[in-house]
Every structure is written in structure tokens, then in C-alpha cells.
Amino acid sequence: EEEAFLVSLYKFMKERHTPIERIPHLGFKQINLWKIYKAVEKLGAYELVTGRRLWKNVYDELGGSPGSTSAATCTRCHYE
């Protein structure tokens, strides 16, 4: 399931002319694209996470540093 997701994601991003050339980092950790997708899905998908301002929860789910003040914004930007 994870591998199929990643293949589909890379294909989608390439088709819209925004290919993923390197995996983004959050703090000093590489983001696991499957984990961030599943974390957002678990909280109700993008619209709900954004509407309820749950991006910090997604960041926490990914094991982010608790002291980061821009965690929510950075997490959302990387997801988008």
C-alpha cells in the first residue's frame, strides 16, 4: 500500500510539472511522505486538518521537536 501510494504520488507530481526532486525535511528529519499522508488522513483529510488548525498535531505525530514555533506552518507547506 505504501509503495503504491509513493509511485502514484511521484507520478501525479511529475504530471503536474512539480516533480518531487528530493524529500522535504522538517527540522533535521526527512519527512516520511507515507506517514504524513496517513497522519492527515487519520485526522480527517486536508480540509478538516486545515479548518480545525490541526497541523501541529500532524507535526507531533511525525515526531517533531516540541519547541518549534513554526511547526504547523512548515508541516502544512510540506504537505501541500
Protein backbone atom coordinates (compact mmCIF):
# COMPACT_ATOMS: atom_id res chain seq x y z
CA GLU A 1 0.00 0.00 0.00
CA GLU A 2 2.81 2.41 0.90
CA GLU A 3 4.78 1.65 -2.24
CA ALA A 4 1.69 2.07 -4.45
CA PHE A 5 0.98 5.42 -2.76
CA LEU A 6 4.52 6.67 -3.38
CA VAL A 7 4.53 5.57 -7.03
CA SER A 8 1.17 7.30 -7.53
CA LEU A 9 2.34 10.46 -5.73
CA TYR A 10 5.55 10.78 -7.75
CA LYS A 11 3.61 10.21 -10.99
CA PHE A 12 0.96 12.78 -10.03
CA MET A 13 3.54 15.42 -9.11
CA LYS A 14 5.52 14.82 -12.31
CA GLU A 15 2.37 15.10 -14.47
CA ARG A 16 1.53 18.50 -12.94
CA HIS A 17 5.10 19.65 -13.65
CA THR A 18 6.10 19.86 -9.98
CA PRO A 19 8.18 16.71 -9.58
CA ILE A 20 9.49 15.68 -6.19
CA GLU A 21 13.21 16.03 -6.69
CA ARG A 22 14.17 15.49 -3.07
CA ILE A 23 12.26 14.54 0.06
CA PRO A 24 11.49 17.60 2.20
CA HIS A 25 12.86 17.92 5.73
CA LEU A 26 11.08 19.09 8.84
CA GLY A 27 13.56 20.21 11.43
CA PHE A 28 16.53 17.97 10.76
CA LYS A 29 14.47 14.91 9.85
CA GLN A 30 13.46 13.75 6.40
CA ILE A 31 9.67 13.59 6.11
CA ASN A 32 8.19 10.16 5.53
CA LEU A 33 5.63 11.03 2.84
CA TRP A 34 3.52 7.97 3.61
CA LYS A 35 3.42 8.82 7.34
CA ILE A 36 2.42 12.44 6.76
CA TYR A 37 -0.32 11.33 4.36
CA LYS A 38 -1.66 8.77 6.84
CA ALA A 39 -1.49 11.27 9.74
CA VAL A 40 -3.56 13.81 7.79
CA GLU A 41 -5.98 11.11 6.67
CA LYS A 42 -6.40 9.92 10.27
CA LEU A 43 -7.35 13.45 11.36
CA GLY A 44 -9.99 13.77 8.65
CA ALA A 45 -8.08 14.83 5.50
CA TYR A 46 -6.64 18.14 4.34
CA GLU A 47 -9.74 20.34 4.55
CA LEU A 48 -10.59 19.24 8.09
CA VAL A 49 -7.00 19.47 9.33
CA THR A 50 -6.72 22.97 7.87
CA GLY A 51 -10.15 24.10 9.06
CA ARG A 52 -9.60 22.84 12.60
CA ARG A 53 -5.99 24.02 12.68
CA LEU A 54 -4.59 20.56 13.39
CA TRP A 55 -1.28 20.88 11.55
CA LYS A 56 0.63 20.97 14.86
CA ASN A 57 -0.98 17.60 15.67
CA VAL A 58 0.31 16.23 12.36
CA TYR A 59 3.77 17.57 13.19
CA ASP A 60 3.64 15.91 16.61
CA GLU A 61 2.52 12.63 15.00
CA LEU A 62 5.64 12.75 12.83
CA GLY A 63 7.81 13.03 15.93
CA GLY A 64 8.70 16.68 15.59
CA SER A 65 10.53 18.77 18.16
CA PRO A 66 8.06 20.19 20.73
CA GLY A 67 9.80 23.59 20.87
CA SER A 68 9.30 24.56 17.23
CA THR A 69 7.19 27.69 16.82
CA SER A 70 6.66 27.34 13.07
CA ALA A 71 5.89 23.62 13.14
CA ALA A 72 2.28 23.86 12.00
CA THR A 73 3.02 26.20 9.09
CA CYS A 74 6.03 24.21 7.89
CA THR A 75 4.13 20.92 8.11
CA ARG A 76 1.25 22.30 6.08
CA CYS A 77 3.56 23.78 3.43
CA HIS A 78 5.41 20.50 3.00
CA TYR A 79 2.16 18.58 2.77
CA GLU A 80 0.83 20.95 0.12
